[in-house]
Amino acid sequence: MARNVAASCRLCRRESEKLFLKGVRCISDKCAFARREYAPGQHGQKRKRRKSSEYEAQLREKQKAKRVYGILERQFRNYFEKAERARGATGEVLLQLLERRLDNVVQRSGFAVSRSSARQLVTHGFAKVNGRKVNIPSYLVKTGDKIVLKGKEKQLKTIRETTKMLEDRGTPEWLKVSPEDLTAEIKRLPVKKDVGMAIEESLIVELYSK
């Protein structure tokens, strides 16, 4: 199973903005992006900021979306091609597909501090969808699906502590979450305004349409 193993803070520095790849830990004063707001690499601090081209802006937006959701190029392109074949605006359908990933739902429900942590919970078999164990992070949920986290009590205690820590973050409108039972229900499919990060999907569509 392919995944991006690059240092999270380097990815944020490359995109010149916080992507919150480590969740609440990115708010800490120890965050590398807060201490070094310049591109990574030996010459990152000396590199002059130049006016970005249209292509660079499109590429950076695609890279940002890939890094936020923790997926690689081939899988991202597959999502785009699926969005092209679906009804509706391609960019908005693309964002909807990314939001419907099981690892994203687990993270957005407050059961994990980051998508990488949520991905780990899913791959280790903690998640059940409609009573059936699902260990595929890219599994796409649909309206009416019910996700519950199951495991040993010691492990669930850690997850509950996480939900308690993240309770002030709020829950997306398209999810109905019960922190006590560690369950989440899909009330409706997500729309653009439900996406947690500011992603200009139109730039991604323009890039792939060339």
N, C-alpha and C. Protein backbone atom coordinates (compact mmCIF):
# COMPACT_ATOMS: atom_id res chain seq x y z
N MET A 1 0.85 -1.19 0.00
CA MET A 1 0.00 0.00 0.00
C MET A 1 0.88 1.24 0.00
N ALA A 2 0.82 2.03 -1.07
CA ALA A 2 1.67 3.20 -1.21
C ALA A 2 1.19 4.35 -0.33
N ARG A 3 2.13 5.07 0.20
CA ARG A 3 1.80 6.26 0.99
C ARG A 3 2.99 7.21 0.98
N ASN A 4 2.73 8.45 1.30
CA ASN A 4 3.77 9.46 1.33
C ASN A 4 4.49 9.41 2.67
N VAL A 5 5.80 9.12 2.64
CA VAL A 5 6.54 8.99 3.89
C VAL A 5 7.46 10.20 4.14
N ALA A 6 7.29 11.24 3.36
CA ALA A 6 8.11 12.44 3.55
C ALA A 6 7.75 13.11 4.87
N ALA A 7 8.73 13.82 5.45
CA ALA A 7 8.49 14.53 6.71
C ALA A 7 7.37 15.55 6.54
N SER A 8 6.37 15.49 7.42
CA SER A 8 5.18 16.34 7.28
C SER A 8 5.51 17.82 7.24
N CYS A 9 6.40 18.25 8.11
CA CYS A 9 6.71 19.68 8.19
C CYS A 9 7.39 20.19 6.92
N ARG A 10 8.16 19.34 6.27
CA ARG A 10 8.78 19.72 5.00
C ARG A 10 7.73 19.96 3.92
N LEU A 11 6.66 19.16 3.96
CA LEU A 11 5.59 19.32 2.98
C LEU A 11 4.88 20.65 3.18
N CYS A 12 4.64 21.02 4.43
CA CYS A 12 4.00 22.31 4.72
C CYS A 12 4.89 23.47 4.25
N ARG A 13 6.16 23.35 4.53
CA ARG A 13 7.10 24.40 4.13
C ARG A 13 7.19 24.52 2.62
N ARG A 14 7.08 23.39 1.93
CA ARG A 14 7.13 23.42 0.47
C ARG A 14 5.92 24.12 -0.11
N GLU A 15 4.76 23.97 0.53
CA GLU A 15 3.54 24.61 0.04
C GLU A 15 3.34 26.01 0.62
N SER A 16 4.26 26.43 1.48
CA SER A 16 4.22 27.79 2.08
C SER A 16 2.97 28.04 2.90
N GLU A 17 2.40 26.99 3.47
CA GLU A 17 1.26 27.16 4.37
C GLU A 17 1.09 25.90 5.21
N LYS A 18 0.46 26.07 6.36
CA LYS A 18 0.23 24.93 7.24
C LYS A 18 -0.86 24.05 6.66
N LEU A 19 -0.55 22.77 6.50
CA LEU A 19 -1.52 21.80 6.01
C LEU A 19 -2.11 20.97 7.15
N PHE A 20 -1.60 21.19 8.36
CA PHE A 20 -2.07 20.50 9.57
C PHE A 20 -2.03 18.98 9.38
N LEU A 21 -0.92 18.49 8.84
CA LEU A 21 -0.74 17.07 8.61
C LEU A 21 -0.55 16.30 9.90
N LYS A 22 -0.17 17.01 10.98
CA LYS A 22 -0.02 16.36 12.28
C LYS A 22 -1.17 16.72 13.22
N GLY A 23 -2.21 17.32 12.67
CA GLY A 23 -3.37 17.67 13.48
C GLY A 23 -3.08 18.78 14.48
N VAL A 24 -3.52 18.60 15.72
CA VAL A 24 -3.39 19.63 16.75
C VAL A 24 -1.93 19.91 17.09
N ARG A 25 -1.05 18.97 16.80
CA ARG A 25 0.37 19.19 17.08
C ARG A 25 0.95 20.31 16.23
N CYS A 26 0.26 20.63 15.13
CA CYS A 26 0.74 21.71 14.26
C CYS A 26 0.51 23.09 14.89
N ILE A 27 -0.32 23.14 15.94
CA ILE A 27 -0.60 24.41 16.62
C ILE A 27 0.49 24.74 17.62
N SER A 28 1.30 23.77 17.97
CA SER A 28 2.36 23.94 18.95
C SER A 28 3.40 24.96 18.51
N ASP A 29 4.04 25.60 19.50
CA ASP A 29 5.12 26.55 19.20
C ASP A 29 6.34 25.86 18.62
N LYS A 30 6.40 24.54 18.78
CA LYS A 30 7.53 23.78 18.27
C LYS A 30 7.37 23.41 16.79
N CYS A 31 6.24 23.80 16.20
CA CYS A 31 5.98 23.49 14.80
C CYS A 31 7.12 24.03 13.93
N ALA A 32 7.68 23.17 13.09
CA ALA A 32 8.81 23.55 12.24
C ALA A 32 8.43 24.66 11.26
N PHE A 33 7.19 24.65 10.78
CA PHE A 33 6.77 25.69 9.83
C PHE A 33 6.77 27.06 10.48
N ALA A 34 6.35 27.11 11.75
CA ALA A 34 6.31 28.39 12.47
C ALA A 34 7.72 28.94 12.69
N ARG A 35 8.69 28.04 12.85
CA ARG A 35 10.06 28.47 13.10
C ARG A 35 10.86 28.73 11.82
N ARG A 36 10.44 28.07 10.74
CA ARG A 36 11.19 28.22 9.47
C ARG A 36 10.22 28.35 8.31
N GLU A 37 9.72 29.54 8.12
CA GLU A 37 8.73 29.77 7.06
C GLU A 37 9.41 30.01 5.71
N TYR A 38 10.24 29.08 5.33
CA TYR A 38 10.87 29.15 4.02
C TYR A 38 10.96 27.73 3.47
N ALA A 39 11.22 27.62 2.18
CA ALA A 39 11.22 26.30 1.53
C ALA A 39 12.28 25.39 2.13
N PRO A 40 12.03 24.07 2.15
CA PRO A 40 13.03 23.14 2.69
C PRO A 40 14.23 23.00 1.75
N GLY A 41 15.26 22.39 2.24
CA GLY A 41 16.43 22.18 1.40
C GLY A 41 17.59 23.09 1.76
N GLN A 42 18.74 22.78 1.22
CA GLN A 42 19.97 23.51 1.54
C GLN A 42 19.88 24.99 1.19
N HIS A 43 19.20 25.31 0.09
CA HIS A 43 19.15 26.70 -0.37
C HIS A 43 17.76 27.33 -0.19
N GLY A 44 16.92 26.67 0.60
CA GLY A 44 15.57 27.16 0.76
C GLY A 44 15.47 28.56 1.32
N GLN A 45 16.34 28.88 2.29
CA GLN A 45 16.29 30.19 2.93
C GLN A 45 16.78 31.29 1.99
N LYS A 46 17.70 30.94 1.07
CA LYS A 46 18.27 31.93 0.17
C LYS A 46 17.43 32.12 -1.10
N ARG A 47 16.56 31.15 -1.37
CA ARG A 47 15.79 31.18 -2.60
C ARG A 47 14.83 32.37 -2.60
N LYS A 48 14.89 33.15 -3.65
CA LYS A 48 14.04 34.34 -3.74
C LYS A 48 12.64 33.96 -4.18
N ARG A 49 11.67 34.64 -3.58
CA ARG A 49 10.29 34.44 -3.99
C ARG A 49 10.08 35.11 -5.34
N ARG A 50 9.53 34.35 -6.27
CA ARG A 50 9.27 34.93 -7.58
C ARG A 50 7.79 34.80 -7.88
N LYS A 51 7.33 35.58 -8.82
CA LYS A 51 5.93 35.52 -9.19
C LYS A 51 5.66 34.18 -9.85
N SER A 52 4.70 33.45 -9.31
CA SER A 52 4.43 32.11 -9.82
C SER A 52 3.68 32.18 -11.15
N SER A 53 3.96 31.21 -12.01
CA SER A 53 3.27 31.13 -13.29
C SER A 53 1.91 30.46 -13.09
N GLU A 54 1.10 30.48 -14.12
CA GLU A 54 -0.22 29.84 -14.05
C GLU A 54 -0.08 28.34 -13.81
N TYR A 55 0.88 27.73 -14.51
CA TYR A 55 1.10 26.30 -14.36
C TYR A 55 1.57 25.97 -12.94
N GLU A 56 2.47 26.78 -12.41
CA GLU A 56 2.97 26.51 -11.06
C GLU A 56 1.85 26.60 -10.03
N ALA A 57 0.96 27.58 -10.18
CA ALA A 57 -0.16 27.72 -9.25
C ALA A 57 -1.06 26.49 -9.31
N GLN A 58 -1.30 25.99 -10.51
CA GLN A 58 -2.13 24.80 -10.68
C GLN A 58 -1.46 23.58 -10.06
N LEU A 59 -0.17 23.45 -10.33
CA LEU A 59 0.58 22.31 -9.80
C LEU A 59 0.63 22.32 -8.28
N ARG A 60 0.88 23.49 -7.70
CA ARG A 60 0.97 23.60 -6.25
C ARG A 60 -0.37 23.26 -5.60
N GLU A 61 -1.48 23.64 -6.25
CA GLU A 61 -2.80 23.33 -5.68
C GLU A 61 -3.06 21.83 -5.70
N LYS A 62 -2.65 21.17 -6.78
CA LYS A 62 -2.80 19.73 -6.85
C LYS A 62 -1.94 19.04 -5.80
N GLN A 63 -0.70 19.50 -5.66
CA GLN A 63 0.20 18.91 -4.68
C GLN A 63 -0.34 19.11 -3.26
N LYS A 64 -0.91 20.27 -3.01
CA LYS A 64 -1.47 20.55 -1.69
C LYS A 64 -2.61 19.59 -1.37
N ALA A 65 -3.51 19.38 -2.33
CA ALA A 65 -4.64 18.47 -2.12
C ALA A 65 -4.16 17.05 -1.87
N LYS A 66 -3.17 16.60 -2.65
CA LYS A 66 -2.62 15.26 -2.46
C LYS A 66 -2.03 15.09 -1.06
N ARG A 67 -1.32 16.12 -0.61
CA ARG A 67 -0.65 16.03 0.68
C ARG A 67 -1.63 16.13 1.84
N VAL A 68 -2.65 16.94 1.69
CA VAL A 68 -3.67 17.05 2.75
C VAL A 68 -4.34 15.71 2.99
N TYR A 69 -4.68 15.01 1.90
CA TYR A 69 -5.39 13.73 2.04
C TYR A 69 -4.46 12.52 2.08
N GLY A 70 -3.15 12.76 1.96
CA GLY A 70 -2.17 11.69 2.12
C GLY A 70 -2.18 10.64 1.03
N ILE A 71 -2.38 11.06 -0.22
CA ILE A 71 -2.39 10.10 -1.32
C ILE A 71 -1.36 10.48 -2.37
N LEU A 72 -1.02 9.52 -3.23
CA LEU A 72 -0.01 9.74 -4.25
C LEU A 72 -0.64 10.00 -5.61
N GLU A 73 0.20 10.29 -6.60
CA GLU A 73 -0.26 10.77 -7.90
C GLU A 73 -1.23 9.82 -8.61
N ARG A 74 -0.87 8.56 -8.70
CA ARG A 74 -1.70 7.63 -9.46
C ARG A 74 -3.11 7.53 -8.89
N GLN A 75 -3.20 7.44 -7.57
CA GLN A 75 -4.52 7.36 -6.93
C GLN A 75 -5.28 8.66 -7.09
N PHE A 76 -4.57 9.78 -7.00
CA PHE A 76 -5.22 11.07 -7.14
C PHE A 76 -5.80 11.22 -8.55
N ARG A 77 -5.03 10.81 -9.56
CA ARG A 77 -5.51 10.88 -10.94
C ARG A 77 -6.73 9.98 -11.13
N ASN A 78 -6.74 8.83 -10.49
CA ASN A 78 -7.90 7.94 -10.58
C ASN A 78 -9.14 8.61 -10.02
N TYR A 79 -8.97 9.35 -8.91
CA TYR A 79 -10.10 10.10 -8.34
C TYR A 79 -10.59 11.15 -9.34
N PHE A 80 -9.64 11.83 -9.98
CA PHE A 80 -10.01 12.87 -10.94
C PHE A 80 -10.78 12.27 -12.12
N GLU A 81 -10.30 11.16 -12.64
CA GLU A 81 -10.98 10.53 -13.78
C GLU A 81 -12.37 10.05 -13.39
N LYS A 82 -12.51 9.58 -12.17
CA LYS A 82 -13.83 9.17 -11.68
C LYS A 82 -14.75 10.37 -11.55
N ALA A 83 -14.19 11.50 -11.09
CA ALA A 83 -14.98 12.73 -10.96
C ALA A 83 -15.41 13.24 -12.33
N GLU A 84 -14.55 13.09 -13.33
CA GLU A 84 -14.89 13.52 -14.70
C GLU A 84 -16.09 12.75 -15.23
N ARG A 85 -16.18 11.48 -14.91
CA ARG A 85 -17.26 10.64 -15.43
C ARG A 85 -18.57 10.83 -14.68
N ALA A 86 -18.48 11.41 -13.49
CA ALA A 86 -19.68 11.58 -12.66
C ALA A 86 -20.46 12.84 -13.06
N ARG A 87 -21.70 12.90 -12.62
CA ARG A 87 -22.51 14.09 -12.84
C ARG A 87 -22.06 15.21 -11.91
N GLY A 88 -22.21 16.43 -12.37
CA GLY A 88 -21.85 17.58 -11.55
C GLY A 88 -20.51 18.17 -11.94
N ALA A 89 -20.14 19.25 -11.26
CA ALA A 89 -18.87 19.93 -11.53
C ALA A 89 -17.72 19.02 -11.12
N THR A 90 -16.79 18.80 -12.04
CA THR A 90 -15.69 17.85 -11.81
C THR A 90 -14.91 18.17 -10.54
N GLY A 91 -14.56 19.43 -10.33
CA GLY A 91 -13.77 19.81 -9.17
C GLY A 91 -14.48 19.53 -7.86
N GLU A 92 -15.76 19.83 -7.81
CA GLU A 92 -16.52 19.61 -6.58
C GLU A 92 -16.72 18.12 -6.31
N VAL A 93 -16.93 17.35 -7.37
CA VAL A 93 -17.06 15.90 -7.21
C VAL A 93 -15.74 15.31 -6.72
N LEU A 94 -14.63 15.85 -7.22
CA LEU A 94 -13.31 15.39 -6.78
C LEU A 94 -13.13 15.59 -5.28
N LEU A 95 -13.46 16.79 -4.79
CA LEU A 95 -13.35 17.06 -3.37
C LEU A 95 -14.28 16.16 -2.56
N GLN A 96 -15.46 15.89 -3.11
CA GLN A 96 -16.41 15.02 -2.42
C GLN A 96 -15.85 13.61 -2.28
N LEU A 97 -15.22 13.11 -3.33
CA LEU A 97 -14.63 11.77 -3.28
C LEU A 97 -13.52 11.70 -2.23
N LEU A 98 -12.71 12.74 -2.17
CA LEU A 98 -11.62 12.77 -1.19
C LEU A 98 -12.16 12.82 0.23
N GLU A 99 -13.22 13.58 0.43
CA GLU A 99 -13.82 13.68 1.76
C GLU A 99 -14.49 12.38 2.18
N ARG A 100 -14.95 11.60 1.22
CA ARG A 100 -15.67 10.36 1.53
C ARG A 100 -14.75 9.20 1.87
N ARG A 101 -13.44 9.38 1.76
CA ARG A 101 -12.51 8.33 2.14
C ARG A 101 -12.71 7.97 3.62
N LEU A 102 -12.63 6.69 3.94
CA LEU A 102 -12.87 6.24 5.31
C LEU A 102 -11.88 6.84 6.29
N ASP A 103 -10.60 6.93 5.90
CA ASP A 103 -9.62 7.50 6.83
C ASP A 103 -9.92 8.97 7.11
N ASN A 104 -10.43 9.69 6.09
CA ASN A 104 -10.80 11.08 6.30
C ASN A 104 -12.00 11.20 7.23
N VAL A 105 -12.97 10.32 7.07
CA VAL A 105 -14.17 10.34 7.93
C VAL A 105 -13.79 10.09 9.39
N VAL A 106 -12.89 9.14 9.62
CA VAL A 106 -12.44 8.85 10.98
C VAL A 106 -11.76 10.07 11.58
N GLN A 107 -10.93 10.76 10.80
CA GLN A 107 -10.24 11.95 11.29
C GLN A 107 -11.21 13.11 11.53
N ARG A 108 -12.12 13.32 10.58
CA ARG A 108 -13.07 14.44 10.68
C ARG A 108 -14.09 14.21 11.79
N SER A 109 -14.27 12.96 12.18
CA SER A 109 -15.19 12.65 13.28
C SER A 109 -14.55 12.92 14.64
N GLY A 110 -13.25 13.21 14.65
CA GLY A 110 -12.56 13.51 15.90
C GLY A 110 -11.98 12.30 16.59
N PHE A 111 -11.90 11.17 15.89
CA PHE A 111 -11.36 9.95 16.50
C PHE A 111 -9.84 9.85 16.35
N ALA A 112 -9.24 10.73 15.57
CA ALA A 112 -7.79 10.73 15.36
C ALA A 112 -7.32 12.16 15.16
N VAL A 113 -6.09 12.45 15.59
CA VAL A 113 -5.58 13.83 15.52
C VAL A 113 -5.21 14.22 14.10
N SER A 114 -4.95 13.25 13.23
CA SER A 114 -4.54 13.54 11.86
C SER A 114 -5.02 12.43 10.93
N ARG A 115 -4.96 12.69 9.63
CA ARG A 115 -5.38 11.67 8.67
C ARG A 115 -4.42 10.48 8.68
N SER A 116 -3.16 10.71 8.93
CA SER A 116 -2.21 9.59 8.99
C SER A 116 -2.52 8.69 10.18
N SER A 117 -2.91 9.30 11.31
CA SER A 117 -3.31 8.50 12.48
C SER A 117 -4.60 7.73 12.20
N ALA A 118 -5.53 8.40 11.50
CA ALA A 118 -6.79 7.75 11.15
C ALA A 118 -6.55 6.60 10.20
N ARG A 119 -5.63 6.80 9.26
CA ARG A 119 -5.28 5.74 8.31
C ARG A 119 -4.75 4.51 9.05
N GLN A 120 -3.96 4.76 10.09
CA GLN A 120 -3.41 3.66 10.88
C GLN A 120 -4.52 2.91 11.61
N LEU A 121 -5.49 3.63 12.17
CA LEU A 121 -6.61 2.98 12.85
C LEU A 121 -7.37 2.07 11.89
N VAL A 122 -7.58 2.57 10.66
CA VAL A 122 -8.33 1.79 9.68
C VAL A 122 -7.55 0.54 9.26
N THR A 123 -6.28 0.71 8.92
CA THR A 123 -5.48 -0.42 8.44
C THR A 123 -5.28 -1.48 9.53
N HIS A 124 -5.35 -1.08 10.79
CA HIS A 124 -5.19 -2.02 11.90
C HIS A 124 -6.51 -2.68 12.30
N GLY A 125 -7.57 -2.37 11.55
CA GLY A 125 -8.83 -3.08 11.74
C GLY A 125 -9.74 -2.54 12.83
N PHE A 126 -9.58 -1.28 13.21
CA PHE A 126 -10.43 -0.71 14.26
C PHE A 126 -11.81 -0.30 13.73
N ALA A 127 -11.92 -0.04 12.43
CA ALA A 127 -13.15 0.53 11.88
C ALA A 127 -14.09 -0.54 11.32
N LYS A 128 -15.35 -0.39 11.66
CA LYS A 128 -16.40 -1.22 11.07
C LYS A 128 -17.40 -0.31 10.39
N VAL A 129 -17.79 -0.68 9.18
CA VAL A 129 -18.79 0.08 8.43
C VAL A 129 -20.02 -0.79 8.27
N ASN A 130 -21.12 -0.34 8.85
CA ASN A 130 -22.37 -1.11 8.83
C ASN A 130 -22.16 -2.53 9.38
N GLY A 131 -21.35 -2.62 10.44
CA GLY A 131 -21.13 -3.90 11.11
C GLY A 131 -20.06 -4.78 10.48
N ARG A 132 -19.46 -4.34 9.39
CA ARG A 132 -18.44 -5.14 8.72
C ARG A 132 -17.08 -4.45 8.83
N LYS A 133 -16.06 -5.21 9.23
CA LYS A 133 -14.72 -4.64 9.37
C LYS A 133 -14.19 -4.21 8.00
N VAL A 134 -13.69 -2.97 7.94
CA VAL A 134 -13.10 -2.44 6.71
C VAL A 134 -11.72 -1.90 7.06
N ASN A 135 -10.69 -2.46 6.42
CA ASN A 135 -9.32 -2.01 6.71
C ASN A 135 -8.68 -1.33 5.50
N ILE A 136 -9.52 -0.75 4.64
CA ILE A 136 -9.05 -0.05 3.44
C ILE A 136 -9.29 1.44 3.64
N PRO A 137 -8.24 2.24 3.83
CA PRO A 137 -8.40 3.68 4.07
C PRO A 137 -9.14 4.42 2.96
N SER A 138 -9.01 3.94 1.71
CA SER A 138 -9.63 4.62 0.57
C SER A 138 -11.09 4.21 0.36
N TYR A 139 -11.63 3.36 1.22
CA TYR A 139 -13.03 2.95 1.10
C TYR A 139 -13.93 4.19 1.10
N LEU A 140 -14.84 4.27 0.13
CA LEU A 140 -15.71 5.44 0.02
C LEU A 140 -17.04 5.19 0.73
N VAL A 141 -17.32 6.01 1.72
CA VAL A 141 -18.58 5.88 2.45
C VAL A 141 -19.70 6.52 1.63
N LYS A 142 -20.93 6.18 1.98
CA LYS A 142 -22.09 6.76 1.30
C LYS A 142 -23.13 7.16 2.34
N THR A 143 -24.15 7.87 1.90
CA THR A 143 -25.18 8.35 2.81
C THR A 143 -25.84 7.17 3.54
N GLY A 144 -25.96 7.31 4.85
CA GLY A 144 -26.58 6.27 5.67
C GLY A 144 -25.60 5.30 6.29
N ASP A 145 -24.36 5.30 5.82
CA ASP A 145 -23.36 4.40 6.40
C ASP A 145 -23.09 4.77 7.86
N LYS A 146 -22.86 3.75 8.67
CA LYS A 146 -22.55 3.96 10.08
C LYS A 146 -21.18 3.37 10.38
N ILE A 147 -20.29 4.19 10.87
CA ILE A 147 -18.92 3.76 11.19
C ILE A 147 -18.78 3.67 12.70
N VAL A 148 -18.23 2.57 13.19
CA VAL A 148 -17.98 2.41 14.61
C VAL A 148 -16.56 1.88 14.80
N LEU A 149 -15.88 2.37 15.82
CA LEU A 149 -14.54 1.90 16.13
C LEU A 149 -14.61 0.84 17.21
N LYS A 150 -14.01 -0.31 16.93
CA LYS A 150 -14.01 -1.44 17.85
C LYS A 150 -12.58 -1.88 18.12
N GLY A 151 -12.33 -2.36 19.33
CA GLY A 151 -11.00 -2.84 19.68
C GLY A 151 -10.93 -3.16 21.16
N LYS A 152 -9.72 -3.39 21.64
CA LYS A 152 -9.53 -3.66 23.05
C LYS A 152 -9.80 -2.38 23.85
N GLU A 153 -10.27 -2.56 25.08
CA GLU A 153 -10.69 -1.42 25.89
C GLU A 153 -9.55 -0.43 26.11
N LYS A 154 -8.34 -0.94 26.27
CA LYS A 154 -7.19 -0.06 26.47
C LYS A 154 -6.94 0.81 25.24
N GLN A 155 -7.14 0.24 24.07
CA GLN A 155 -6.95 0.98 22.83
C GLN A 155 -8.08 2.00 22.64
N LEU A 156 -9.30 1.59 22.95
CA LEU A 156 -10.44 2.50 22.80
C LEU A 156 -10.35 3.65 23.79
N LYS A 157 -9.76 3.41 24.95
CA LYS A 157 -9.58 4.48 25.93
C LYS A 157 -8.72 5.59 25.36
N THR A 158 -7.67 5.22 24.63
CA THR A 158 -6.80 6.22 24.00
C THR A 158 -7.57 7.01 22.95
N ILE A 159 -8.42 6.35 22.18
CA ILE A 159 -9.21 7.04 21.16
C ILE A 159 -10.20 8.00 21.81
N ARG A 160 -10.81 7.58 22.91
CA ARG A 160 -11.75 8.46 23.62
C ARG A 160 -11.04 9.69 24.18
N GLU A 161 -9.82 9.51 24.64
CA GLU A 161 -9.04 10.65 25.11
C GLU A 161 -8.77 11.63 23.98
N THR A 162 -8.57 11.09 22.79
CA THR A 162 -8.36 11.94 21.62
C THR A 162 -9.62 12.72 21.29
N THR A 163 -10.79 12.06 21.32
CA THR A 163 -12.05 12.75 21.02
C THR A 163 -12.32 13.85 22.05
N LYS A 164 -11.93 13.60 23.30
CA LYS A 164 -12.11 14.60 24.34
C LYS A 164 -11.21 15.81 24.07
N MET A 165 -10.00 15.56 23.63
CA MET A 165 -9.05 16.62 23.34
C MET A 165 -9.49 17.46 22.14
N LEU A 166 -10.21 16.82 21.20
CA LEU A 166 -10.59 17.50 19.96
C LEU A 166 -12.03 17.98 19.96
N GLU A 167 -12.73 17.91 21.10
CA GLU A 167 -14.15 18.22 21.12
C GLU A 167 -14.46 19.67 20.74
N ASP A 168 -13.50 20.58 20.97
CA ASP A 168 -13.73 21.99 20.62
C ASP A 168 -13.59 22.25 19.13
N ARG A 169 -13.07 21.27 18.39
CA ARG A 169 -12.86 21.46 16.96
C ARG A 169 -14.17 21.44 16.18
N GLY A 170 -15.17 20.82 16.74
CA GLY A 170 -16.47 20.76 16.06
C GLY A 170 -16.55 19.59 15.09
N THR A 171 -17.77 19.33 14.62
CA THR A 171 -18.03 18.22 13.71
C THR A 171 -18.63 18.74 12.41
N PRO A 172 -18.19 18.26 11.26
CA PRO A 172 -18.77 18.68 9.97
C PRO A 172 -20.27 18.41 9.94
N GLU A 173 -21.01 19.25 9.23
CA GLU A 173 -22.47 19.13 9.19
C GLU A 173 -22.94 17.83 8.56
N TRP A 174 -22.13 17.24 7.71
CA TRP A 174 -22.57 16.03 7.01
C TRP A 174 -22.36 14.75 7.83
N LEU A 175 -21.80 14.91 9.04
CA LEU A 175 -21.57 13.77 9.91
C LEU A 175 -22.36 13.90 11.22
N LYS A 176 -22.85 12.76 11.71
CA LYS A 176 -23.47 12.70 13.03
C LYS A 176 -22.59 11.82 13.89
N VAL A 177 -21.95 12.41 14.88
CA VAL A 177 -20.93 11.71 15.66
C VAL A 177 -21.37 11.53 17.11
N SER A 178 -21.11 10.35 17.64
CA SER A 178 -21.34 10.06 19.05
C SER A 178 -20.00 9.68 19.68
N PRO A 179 -19.33 10.64 20.33
CA PRO A 179 -18.01 10.37 20.92
C PRO A 179 -18.03 9.27 21.97
N GLU A 180 -19.12 9.17 22.72
CA GLU A 180 -19.19 8.15 23.77
C GLU A 180 -19.16 6.74 23.18
N ASP A 181 -19.89 6.54 22.08
CA ASP A 181 -19.97 5.22 21.46
C ASP A 181 -18.93 5.02 20.37
N LEU A 182 -18.17 6.09 20.07
CA LEU A 182 -17.19 6.07 18.99
C LEU A 182 -17.84 5.66 17.67
N THR A 183 -18.97 6.30 17.38
CA THR A 183 -19.69 6.02 16.14
C THR A 183 -19.87 7.31 15.34
N ALA A 184 -19.95 7.15 14.03
CA ALA A 184 -20.20 8.27 13.14
C ALA A 184 -21.14 7.81 12.04
N GLU A 185 -22.12 8.63 11.72
CA GLU A 185 -23.08 8.28 10.67
C GLU A 185 -23.03 9.33 9.57
N ILE A 186 -23.11 8.89 8.32
CA ILE A 186 -23.07 9.80 7.18
C ILE A 186 -24.49 10.32 6.94
N LYS A 187 -24.75 11.57 7.33
CA LYS A 187 -26.09 12.15 7.15
C LYS A 187 -26.37 12.48 5.69
N ARG A 188 -25.36 12.97 5.01
CA ARG A 188 -25.46 13.34 3.59
C ARG A 188 -24.07 13.37 3.01
N LEU A 189 -23.97 13.45 1.71
CA LEU A 189 -22.66 13.54 1.08
C LEU A 189 -22.09 14.94 1.28
N PRO A 190 -20.80 15.07 1.46
CA PRO A 190 -20.18 16.39 1.67
C PRO A 190 -20.20 17.25 0.41
N VAL A 191 -20.22 18.55 0.61
CA VAL A 191 -20.13 19.51 -0.50
C VAL A 191 -18.89 20.37 -0.28
N LYS A 192 -18.62 21.26 -1.20
CA LYS A 192 -17.38 22.03 -1.16
C LYS A 192 -17.18 22.77 0.16
N LYS A 193 -18.24 23.36 0.69
CA LYS A 193 -18.11 24.15 1.92
C LYS A 193 -17.77 23.29 3.13
N ASP A 194 -17.94 21.97 3.00
CA ASP A 194 -17.64 21.07 4.11
C ASP A 194 -16.17 20.68 4.19
N VAL A 195 -15.40 21.00 3.15
CA VAL A 195 -13.98 20.63 3.12
C VAL A 195 -13.23 21.44 4.17
N GLY A 196 -12.41 20.77 4.94
CA GLY A 196 -11.72 21.42 6.05
C GLY A 196 -10.63 22.39 5.64
N MET A 197 -10.06 22.22 4.43
CA MET A 197 -8.97 23.07 3.96
C MET A 197 -9.44 23.89 2.76
N ALA A 198 -8.80 25.05 2.57
CA ALA A 198 -9.10 25.88 1.41
C ALA A 198 -8.36 25.33 0.20
N ILE A 199 -9.09 24.65 -0.67
CA ILE A 199 -8.50 24.05 -1.87
C ILE A 199 -9.22 24.59 -3.09
N GLU A 200 -8.47 25.20 -4.01
CA GLU A 200 -9.04 25.73 -5.25
C GLU A 200 -9.11 24.61 -6.27
N GLU A 201 -10.22 23.90 -6.25
CA GLU A 201 -10.35 22.72 -7.12
C GLU A 201 -10.35 23.07 -8.60
N SER A 202 -10.73 24.30 -8.94
CA SER A 202 -10.75 24.71 -10.35
C SER A 202 -9.35 24.69 -10.95
N LEU A 203 -8.33 25.01 -10.14
CA LEU A 203 -6.96 24.99 -10.63
C LEU A 203 -6.51 23.56 -10.94
N ILE A 204 -6.98 22.61 -10.15
CA ILE A 204 -6.63 21.20 -10.38
C ILE A 204 -7.28 20.70 -11.67
N VAL A 205 -8.53 21.12 -11.89
CA VAL A 205 -9.24 20.73 -13.11
C VAL A 205 -8.52 21.31 -14.33
N GLU A 206 -8.09 22.55 -14.23
CA GLU A 206 -7.39 23.20 -15.35
C GLU A 206 -6.08 22.46 -15.65
N LEU A 207 -5.39 22.03 -14.61
CA LEU A 207 -4.10 21.34 -14.79
C LEU A 207 -4.30 20.02 -15.53
N TYR A 208 -5.26 19.23 -15.10
CA TYR A 208 -5.48 17.92 -15.72
C TYR A 208 -6.17 18.03 -17.08
N SER A 209 -6.76 19.17 -17.38
CA SER A 209 -7.46 19.33 -18.64
C SER A 209 -6.55 19.74 -19.78
N LYS A 210 -5.28 19.99 -19.48
CA LYS A 210 -4.36 20.45 -20.51
C LYS A 210 -3.99 19.30 -21.46
